[in-house]
C-alpha atoms as a PDB file:
ATOM      1  CA  MET A   1       0.000   0.000   0.000  1.00  0.00           C
ATOM      2  CA  SER A   2       1.522   3.337  -1.021  1.00  0.00           C
ATOM      3  CA  SER A   3       1.981   6.292   1.342  1.00  0.00           C
ATOM      4  CA  ILE A   4       2.279  10.062   1.197  1.00  0.00           C
ATOM      5  CA  LEU A   5       4.716  12.030   3.356  1.00  0.00           C
ATOM      6  CA  ILE A   6       5.291  15.762   3.772  1.00  0.00           C
ATOM      7  CA  GLN A   7       8.382  16.821   5.687  1.00  0.00           C
ATOM      8  CA  ASP A   8      10.195  20.002   6.754  1.00  0.00           C
ATOM      9  CA  VAL A   9       7.118  22.229   6.700  1.00  0.00           C
ATOM     10  CA  SER A  10       8.009  25.839   7.561  1.00  0.00           C
ATOM     11  CA  LYS A  11       5.869  28.685   8.889  1.00  0.00           C
ATOM     12  CA  THR A  12       7.049  31.984  10.389  1.00  0.00           C
ATOM     13  CA  PHE A  13       5.040  34.319  12.623  1.00  0.00           C
ATOM     14  CA  GLU A  14       5.880  37.907  13.464  1.00  0.00           C
ATOM     15  CA  THR A  15       5.827  38.873  17.159  1.00  0.00           C
ATOM     16  CA  LYS A  16       6.872  41.966  19.083  1.00  0.00           C
ATOM     17  CA  ASP A  17      10.235  40.280  19.686  1.00  0.00           C
ATOM     18  CA  GLY A  18      10.815  39.526  16.016  1.00  0.00           C
ATOM     19  CA  SER A  19      10.218  36.573  13.714  1.00  0.00           C
ATOM     20  CA  VAL A  20       9.375  33.168  15.202  1.00  0.00           C
ATOM     21  CA  GLN A  21       9.550  30.128  12.957  1.00  0.00           C
ATOM     22  CA  ALA A  22       6.633  27.956  14.036  1.00  0.00           C
ATOM     23  CA  LEU A  23       7.045  25.027  11.638  1.00  0.00           C
ATOM     24  CA  LYS A  24      10.161  23.455  10.200  1.00  0.00           C
ATOM     25  CA  HIS A  25      11.076  19.931   9.020  1.00  0.00           C
ATOM     26  CA  VAL A  26       7.533  18.541   9.356  1.00  0.00           C
ATOM     27  CA  SER A  27       6.098  15.242   7.952  1.00  0.00           C
ATOM     28  CA  LEU A  28       2.589  13.592   7.488  1.00  0.00           C
ATOM     29  CA  SER A  29       0.731  10.255   6.656  1.00  0.00           C
ATOM     30  CA  ILE A  30      -2.693   9.162   5.103  1.00  0.00           C
ATOM     31  CA  GLU A  31      -4.581   5.782   4.579  1.00  0.00           C
ATOM     32  CA  THR A  32      -7.693   4.142   2.905  1.00  0.00           C
ATOM     33  CA  GLY A  33     -10.805   3.856   4.742  1.00  0.00           C
ATOM     34  CA  ASP A  34     -10.219   6.801   4.471  1.00  0.00           C
ATOM     35  CA  ILE A  35      -7.612   7.455   7.150  1.00  0.00           C
ATOM     36  CA  TYR A  36      -4.855  10.010   7.305  1.00  0.00           C
ATOM     37  CA  GLY A  37      -2.101   9.191   9.781  1.00  0.00           C
ATOM     38  CA  ILE A  38       0.172  12.055  10.799  1.00  0.00           C
ATOM     39  CA  ILE A  39       3.255  11.091  12.754  1.00  0.00           C
ATOM     40  CA  GLY A  40       5.972  13.265  14.176  1.00  0.00           C
ATOM     41  CA  MET A  41       7.798  14.766  17.118  1.00  0.00           C
ATOM     42  CA  SER A  42       6.215  16.903  19.795  1.00  0.00           C
ATOM     43  CA  GLY A  43       5.612  20.433  18.544  1.00  0.00           C
ATOM     44  CA  ALA A  44       6.422  19.602  14.928  1.00  0.00           C
ATOM     45  CA  GLY A  45       3.109  20.909  13.623  1.00  0.00           C
ATOM     46  CA  LYS A  46       1.154  17.658  13.327  1.00  0.00           C
ATOM     47  CA  SER A  47      -2.040  19.098  14.754  1.00  0.00           C
ATOM     48  CA  THR A  48      -1.892  22.264  12.648  1.00  0.00           C
ATOM     49  CA  ILE A  49      -1.661  20.351   9.375  1.00  0.00           C
ATOM     50  CA  ALA A  50      -4.013  17.560  10.456  1.00  0.00           C
ATOM     51  CA  LYS A  51      -6.780  19.997  11.393  1.00  0.00           C
ATOM     52  CA  ARG A  52      -6.540  21.826   8.074  1.00  0.00           C
ATOM     53  CA  VAL A  53      -6.528  18.651   5.997  1.00  0.00           C
ATOM     54  CA  ALA A  54      -9.478  17.243   7.949  1.00  0.00           C
ATOM     55  CA  LYS A  55     -11.476  20.430   7.479  1.00  0.00           C
ATOM     56  CA  GLU A  56     -10.806  20.570   3.746  1.00  0.00           C
ATOM     57  CA  LEU A  57     -11.822  16.934   3.254  1.00  0.00           C
ATOM     58  CA  SER A  58     -14.696  17.006   5.778  1.00  0.00           C
ATOM     59  CA  PHE A  59     -12.989  14.231   7.728  1.00  0.00           C
ATOM     60  CA  ILE A  60     -12.948  13.840  11.499  1.00  0.00           C
ATOM     61  CA  TYR A  61      -9.751  15.123  13.127  1.00  0.00           C
ATOM     62  CA  VAL A  62      -8.433  12.885  15.920  1.00  0.00           C
ATOM     63  CA  ASP A  63      -5.750  14.348  18.186  1.00  0.00           C
ATOM     64  CA  THR A  64      -4.407  11.235  19.913  1.00  0.00           C
ATOM     65  CA  GLY A  65      -2.016  13.294  22.007  1.00  0.00           C
ATOM     66  CA  ALA A  66      -5.017  14.893  23.715  1.00  0.00           C
ATOM     67  CA  MET A  67      -6.067  11.457  24.946  1.00  0.00           C
ATOM     68  CA  TYR A  68      -2.709  10.865  26.602  1.00  0.00           C
ATOM     69  CA  ARG A  69      -2.841  14.369  28.053  1.00  0.00           C
ATOM     70  CA  ALA A  70      -6.231  13.626  29.588  1.00  0.00           C
ATOM     71  CA  MET A  71      -4.848  10.565  31.334  1.00  0.00           C
ATOM     72  CA  ALA A  72      -1.825  12.593  32.417  1.00  0.00           C
ATOM     73  CA  LEU A  73      -4.109  15.243  33.907  1.00  0.00           C
ATOM     74  CA  TYR A  74      -5.824  12.567  36.005  1.00  0.00           C
ATOM     75  CA  VAL A  75      -2.443  11.315  37.234  1.00  0.00           C
ATOM     76  CA  LEU A  76      -1.467  14.856  38.246  1.00  0.00           C
ATOM     77  CA  GLU A  77      -4.803  15.555  39.930  1.00  0.00           C
ATOM     78  CA  GLN A  78      -4.499  12.341  41.960  1.00  0.00           C
ATOM     79  CA  ASN A  79      -0.890  13.161  42.922  1.00  0.00           C
ATOM     80  CA  ILE A  80       0.353   9.931  41.372  1.00  0.00           C
ATOM     81  CA  ASP A  81       4.042   9.845  40.501  1.00  0.00           C
ATOM     82  CA  PRO A  82       4.115   9.440  36.674  1.00  0.00           C
ATOM     83  CA  GLN A  83       7.347   7.475  37.044  1.00  0.00           C
ATOM     84  CA  ASP A  84       5.600   4.889  39.230  1.00  0.00           C
ATOM     85  CA  GLN A  85       4.370   2.639  36.449  1.00  0.00           C
ATOM     86  CA  ALA A  86       2.589   0.214  38.768  1.00  0.00           C
ATOM     87  CA  LYS A  87       0.456   2.957  40.331  1.00  0.00           C
ATOM     88  CA  VAL A  88      -0.337   4.561  36.978  1.00  0.00           C
ATOM     89  CA  ALA A  89      -1.328   1.178  35.543  1.00  0.00           C
ATOM     90  CA  ALA A  90      -3.524   0.486  38.569  1.00  0.00           C
ATOM     91  CA  ALA A  91      -5.314   3.812  38.023  1.00  0.00           C
ATOM     92  CA  CYS A  92      -6.177   3.099  34.367  1.00  0.00           C
ATOM     93  CA  PRO A  93      -9.515   1.363  35.095  1.00  0.00           C
ATOM     94  CA  ASP A  94     -10.640   4.501  36.953  1.00  0.00           C
ATOM     95  CA  ILE A  95      -9.951   6.772  33.980  1.00  0.00           C
ATOM     96  CA  ASP A  96     -12.593   7.324  31.337  1.00  0.00           C
ATOM     97  CA  VAL A  97     -11.484   9.371  28.321  1.00  0.00           C
ATOM     98  CA  THR A  98     -14.237  10.331  25.893  1.00  0.00           C
ATOM     99  CA  ILE A  99     -13.864  12.129  22.577  1.00  0.00           C
ATOM    100  CA  LEU A 100     -16.799  14.214  21.366  1.00  0.00           C
ATOM    101  CA  TYR A 101     -17.217  16.587  18.435  1.00  0.00           C
ATOM    102  CA  GLU A 102     -19.066  19.885  18.688  1.00  0.00           C
ATOM    103  CA  ASP A 103     -19.401  21.771  15.408  1.00  0.00           C
ATOM    104  CA  GLY A 104     -16.555  19.633  14.067  1.00  0.00           C
ATOM    105  CA  VAL A 105     -14.234  20.540  16.952  1.00  0.00           C
ATOM    106  CA  GLN A 106     -12.805  17.780  19.119  1.00  0.00           C
ATOM    107  CA  GLN A 107     -13.709  17.960  22.801  1.00  0.00           C
ATOM    108  CA  VAL A 108     -11.908  15.812  25.375  1.00  0.00           C
ATOM    109  CA  LEU A 109     -13.777  14.591  28.437  1.00  0.00           C
ATOM    110  CA  LEU A 110     -12.064  13.121  31.479  1.00  0.00           C
ATOM    111  CA  ASN A 111     -14.518  11.146  33.606  1.00  0.00           C
ATOM    112  CA  GLY A 112     -17.332  13.258  32.204  1.00  0.00           C
ATOM    113  CA  LYS A 113     -15.629  16.657  32.595  1.00  0.00           C
ATOM    114  CA  ASN A 114     -14.530  18.699  29.585  1.00  0.00           C
ATOM    115  CA  VAL A 115     -10.780  19.211  30.007  1.00  0.00           C
ATOM    116  CA  SER A 116      -9.952  20.414  26.492  1.00  0.00           C
ATOM    117  CA  THR A 117      -8.287  23.570  27.886  1.00  0.00           C
ATOM    118  CA  GLU A 118      -6.599  22.148  30.992  1.00  0.00           C
ATOM    119  CA  ILE A 119      -4.727  19.459  29.068  1.00  0.00           C
ATOM    120  CA  ARG A 120      -2.771  22.060  27.060  1.00  0.00           C
ATOM    121  CA  GLN A 121      -0.560  23.018  30.004  1.00  0.00           C
ATOM    122  CA  GLU A 122       3.155  22.238  29.581  1.00  0.00           C
ATOM    123  CA  ILE A 123       3.279  20.116  32.739  1.00  0.00           C
ATOM    124  CA  VAL A 124       0.452  17.972  31.389  1.00  0.00           C
ATOM    125  CA  GLY A 125       2.275  17.459  28.090  1.00  0.00           C
ATOM    126  CA  ASN A 126       5.474  16.433  29.839  1.00  0.00           C
ATOM    127  CA  THR A 127       3.574  14.046  32.104  1.00  0.00           C
ATOM    128  CA  ALA A 128       1.767  12.556  29.089  1.00  0.00           C
ATOM    129  CA  SER A 129       5.119  11.658  27.543  1.00  0.00           C
ATOM    130  CA  LYS A 130       6.177   9.921  30.761  1.00  0.00           C
ATOM    131  CA  ILE A 131       3.050   7.791  31.137  1.00  0.00           C
ATOM    132  CA  SER A 132       2.854   6.955  27.433  1.00  0.00           C
ATOM    133  CA  VAL A 133       5.594   4.357  27.932  1.00  0.00           C
ATOM    134  CA  ILE A 134       3.294   2.350  30.188  1.00  0.00           C
ATOM    135  CA  LYS A 135       1.719  -0.675  28.499  1.00  0.00           C
ATOM    136  CA  GLU A 136      -1.696  -0.373  30.166  1.00  0.00           C
ATOM    137  CA  VAL A 137      -1.994   3.289  29.181  1.00  0.00           C
ATOM    138  CA  ARG A 138      -1.222   2.624  25.524  1.00  0.00           C
ATOM    139  CA  GLU A 139      -3.493  -0.408  25.296  1.00  0.00           C
ATOM    140  CA  LYS A 140      -6.426   1.568  26.683  1.00  0.00           C
ATOM    141  CA  LEU A 141      -6.013   4.501  24.288  1.00  0.00           C
ATOM    142  CA  VAL A 142      -4.986   2.607  21.144  1.00  0.00           C
ATOM    143  CA  ALA A 143      -8.218   0.608  21.393  1.00  0.00           C
ATOM    144  CA  LEU A 144     -10.201   3.862  21.518  1.00  0.00           C
ATOM    145  CA  GLN A 145      -8.255   5.333  18.584  1.00  0.00           C
ATOM    146  CA  ARG A 146      -8.903   2.276  16.416  1.00  0.00           C
ATOM    147  CA  GLN A 147     -12.604   2.393  17.266  1.00  0.00           C
ATOM    148  CA  LEU A 148     -12.795   6.005  16.073  1.00  0.00           C
ATOM    149  CA  ALA A 149     -10.955   5.172  12.831  1.00  0.00           C
ATOM    150  CA  ALA A 150     -13.246   2.218  12.158  1.00  0.00           C
ATOM    151  CA  LYS A 151     -16.365   4.396  12.349  1.00  0.00           C
ATOM    152  CA  GLU A 152     -15.323   7.532  10.484  1.00  0.00           C
ATOM    153  CA  ASN A 153     -13.077   8.944   7.763  1.00  0.00           C
ATOM    154  CA  VAL A 154     -10.346  10.417   9.916  1.00  0.00           C
ATOM    155  CA  VAL A 155      -7.165  12.422   9.941  1.00  0.00           C
ATOM    156  CA  MET A 156      -5.280  11.180  13.003  1.00  0.00           C
ATOM    157  CA  ASP A 157      -2.071  12.592  14.388  1.00  0.00           C
ATOM    158  CA  GLY A 158       0.280  11.138  16.968  1.00  0.00           C
ATOM    159  CA  ARG A 159       3.697   9.588  17.475  1.00  0.00           C
ATOM    160  CA  ASP A 160       2.959   5.985  16.467  1.00  0.00           C
ATOM    161  CA  ILE A 161      -0.075   6.188  14.169  1.00  0.00           C
ATOM    162  CA  GLY A 162       1.517   4.760  11.028  1.00  0.00           C
ATOM    163  CA  THR A 163       3.633   2.163  12.804  1.00  0.00           C
ATOM    164  CA  GLN A 164       1.339   0.819  15.540  1.00  0.00           C
ATOM    165  CA  VAL A 165      -2.143   2.309  15.739  1.00  0.00           C
ATOM    166  CA  LEU A 166      -3.100   2.281  12.030  1.00  0.00           C
ATOM    167  CA  PRO A 167      -0.341   0.400  10.190  1.00  0.00           C
ATOM    168  CA  ASP A 168      -2.611  -0.046   7.146  1.00  0.00           C
ATOM    169  CA  ALA A 169      -3.555   3.617   6.842  1.00  0.00           C
ATOM    170  CA  THR A 170      -4.151   4.895   3.319  1.00  0.00           C
ATOM    171  CA  VAL A 171      -1.668   7.755   3.520  1.00  0.00           C
ATOM    172  CA  LYS A 172       1.148   8.304   6.023  1.00  0.00           C
ATOM    173  CA  ILE A 173       2.946  11.581   6.689  1.00  0.00           C
ATOM    174  CA  TYR A 174       5.946  12.015   8.989  1.00  0.00           C
ATOM    175  CA  LEU A 175       6.576  15.524  10.396  1.00  0.00           C
ATOM    176  CA  THR A 176       9.738  16.703  12.084  1.00  0.00           C
ATOM    177  CA  ALA A 177      11.464  19.936  13.121  1.00  0.00           C
ATOM    178  CA  SER A 178      14.511  20.957  15.125  1.00  0.00           C
ATOM    179  CA  ALA A 179      14.091  21.181  18.897  1.00  0.00           C
ATOM    180  CA  LYS A 180      14.921  24.892  18.800  1.00  0.00           C
ATOM    181  CA  GLU A 181      12.260  25.709  16.209  1.00  0.00           C
ATOM    182  CA  ARG A 182       9.659  23.564  17.946  1.00  0.00           C
ATOM    183  CA  ALA A 183      10.441  25.313  21.239  1.00  0.00           C
ATOM    184  CA  LYS A 184       9.874  28.701  19.602  1.00  0.00           C
ATOM    185  CA  ARG A 185       6.566  27.495  18.231  1.00  0.00           C
ATOM    186  CA  ARG A 186       5.435  26.124  21.616  1.00  0.00           C
ATOM    187  CA  TYR A 187       6.537  29.338  23.322  1.00  0.00           C
ATOM    188  CA  LEU A 188       4.477  31.388  20.880  1.00  0.00           C
ATOM    189  CA  GLU A 189       1.431  29.187  21.448  1.00  0.00           C
ATOM    190  CA  LEU A 190       1.720  29.647  25.215  1.00  0.00           C
ATOM    191  CA  GLN A 191       2.064  33.414  24.800  1.00  0.00           C
ATOM    192  CA  GLU A 192      -1.046  33.577  22.652  1.00  0.00           C
ATOM    193  CA  LYS A 193      -2.995  31.601  25.280  1.00  0.00           C
ATOM    194  CA  GLY A 194      -1.667  33.710  28.159  1.00  0.00           C
ATOM    195  CA  MET A 195       0.099  30.725  29.721  1.00  0.00           C
ATOM    196  CA  PRO A 196       3.548  30.894  31.355  1.00  0.00           C
ATOM    197  CA  GLY A 197       6.631  29.403  29.715  1.00  0.00           C
ATOM    198  CA  GLU A 198      10.395  29.890  29.451  1.00  0.00           C
ATOM    199  CA  LEU A 199      11.881  29.334  25.994  1.00  0.00           C
ATOM    200  CA  ASP A 200      15.062  27.602  27.220  1.00  0.00           C
ATOM    201  CA  GLN A 201      13.131  25.289  29.540  1.00  0.00           C
ATOM    202  CA  ILE A 202      10.645  24.446  26.804  1.00  0.00           C
ATOM    203  CA  GLU A 203      13.517  23.470  24.475  1.00  0.00           C
ATOM    204  CA  ALA A 204      15.108  21.331  27.201  1.00  0.00           C
ATOM    205  CA  ASP A 205      11.773  19.610  27.841  1.00  0.00           C
ATOM    206  CA  ILE A 206      11.323  18.921  24.112  1.00  0.00           C
ATOM    207  CA  ILE A 207      14.778  17.362  23.821  1.00  0.00           C
ATOM    208  CA  GLU A 208      14.081  15.173  26.845  1.00  0.00           C
ATOM    209  CA  ARG A 209      10.677  14.184  25.441  1.00  0.00           C
ATOM    210  CA  ASP A 210      12.160  13.323  22.045  1.00  0.00           C
ATOM    211  CA  ASN A 211      14.703  11.034  23.642  1.00  0.00           C
ATOM    212  CA  ARG A 212      12.049   9.352  25.765  1.00  0.00           C
ATOM    213  CA  ASP A 213       9.624   8.932  22.851  1.00  0.00           C
ATOM    214  CA  MET A 214      12.214   7.555  20.433  1.00  0.00           C
ATOM    215  CA  ASN A 215      13.790   5.146  22.909  1.00  0.00           C
ATOM    216  CA  ARG A 216      10.786   3.828  24.793  1.00  0.00           C
ATOM    217  CA  GLU A 217      10.295   0.053  24.657  1.00  0.00           C
ATOM    218  CA  ILE A 218       6.628   0.187  23.647  1.00  0.00           C
ATOM    219  CA  SER A 219       5.680   1.909  20.344  1.00  0.00           C
ATOM    220  CA  PRO A 220       8.717   4.180  19.976  1.00  0.00           C
ATOM    221  CA  LEU A 221       8.517   7.233  17.744  1.00  0.00           C
ATOM    222  CA  ARG A 222       9.914   6.378  14.327  1.00  0.00           C
ATOM    223  CA  GLN A 223       9.168   6.875  10.656  1.00  0.00           C
ATOM    224  CA  ALA A 224       7.175   4.022   9.128  1.00  0.00           C
ATOM    225  CA  GLU A 225       8.981   2.163   6.356  1.00  0.00           C
ATOM    226  CA  ASP A 226       6.244   2.992   3.877  1.00  0.00           C
ATOM    227  CA  ALA A 227       6.105   6.674   4.790  1.00  0.00           C
ATOM    228  CA  VAL A 228       7.494   9.114   2.216  1.00  0.00           C
ATOM    229  CA  LEU A 229       9.939  11.849   3.155  1.00  0.00           C
ATOM    230  CA  VAL A 230       9.371  15.220   1.434  1.00  0.00           C
ATOM    231  CA  ASP A 231      11.557  18.288   1.951  1.00  0.00           C
ATOM    232  CA  ALA A 232       9.075  21.116   2.484  1.00  0.00           C
ATOM    233  CA  SER A 233      11.418  23.516   4.267  1.00  0.00           C
ATOM    234  CA  PHE A 234      10.203  26.517   2.317  1.00  0.00           C
ATOM    235  CA  MET A 235       6.500  25.674   2.290  1.00  0.00           C
ATOM    236  CA  GLY A 236       3.905  27.504   4.345  1.00  0.00           C
ATOM    237  CA  ILE A 237       0.993  25.828   6.105  1.00  0.00           C
ATOM    238  CA  GLU A 238      -1.392  26.521   3.230  1.00  0.00           C
ATOM    239  CA  GLU A 239       1.048  25.056   0.707  1.00  0.00           C
ATOM    240  CA  VAL A 240       1.554  21.899   2.747  1.00  0.00           C
ATOM    241  CA  THR A 241      -2.175  21.427   3.217  1.00  0.00           C
ATOM    242  CA  ALA A 242      -2.771  21.822  -0.513  1.00  0.00           C
ATOM    243  CA  ALA A 243       0.056  19.416  -1.344  1.00  0.00           C
ATOM    244  CA  VAL A 244      -1.301  16.727   0.988  1.00  0.00           C
ATOM    245  CA  ILE A 245      -4.831  17.059  -0.356  1.00  0.00           C
ATOM    246  CA  ALA A 246      -3.571  16.935  -3.948  1.00  0.00           C
ATOM    247  CA  GLU A 247      -1.748  13.695  -3.234  1.00  0.00           C
ATOM    248  CA  PHE A 248      -4.855  12.309  -1.567  1.00  0.00           C
ATOM    249  CA  GLU A 249      -6.934  13.117  -4.637  1.00  0.00           C
ATOM    250  CA  LYS A 250      -4.394  11.329  -6.829  1.00  0.00           C
ATOM    251  CA  LYS A 251      -4.719   8.313  -4.562  1.00  0.00           C
ATOM    252  CA  LYS A 252      -8.512   8.346  -4.848  1.00  0.00           C
ATOM    253  CA  GLN A 253      -8.339   8.466  -8.632  1.00  0.00           C
ATOM    254  CA  ALA A 254      -5.760   5.704  -8.932  1.00  0.00           C
END
């Protein structure tokens, strides 16, 4: 089964402190069903591209990272040490993560409460990366992700979509970017949302998260063998979205 990949996507925003490059070295993936799988490092721009592609194709956008963040939020609220795998695993049966769509926008519920805003905190993201190595956590969420993909045409982004969650996806895209550029992008996002964040610390956290994600024993972050690498260093978000959709249309006509 053939795949489509977009990589090295670049996007620059102007702020009061000068230019901030939000996207760089980004990649994507898409599959029949129809399913788009977008894989890549934290902060690489997966969600940005996935949302746009889903909207253009009238597909459902599935942010798998939000599911892990919801579980991470529960761990933090219960004062469970995310490094204590036994305790986190034991808590899994008590965690109910539900994905709903309101006007086409994904809403994340944790045990019945909408936590779509709370899960975007940096501490939640870092905790999500730590608990994602735990077998029971991944099994619980991968099952939910596959259920969503089986019911709808979806564009799904995450770190192991094309390799583990949806290995038979129609199109696969792998997105990447340097830690420095991804830190700038995350910093800008936090500024726009009025949330605190230090650029140097964000970069250090991203580097640590990359290492953890790529070297974890269960479902490590890696490019699928059938994913295609495309150098899109000088492409803006709109250009990347158009390129992905064009490739998808070619696939449909083949």
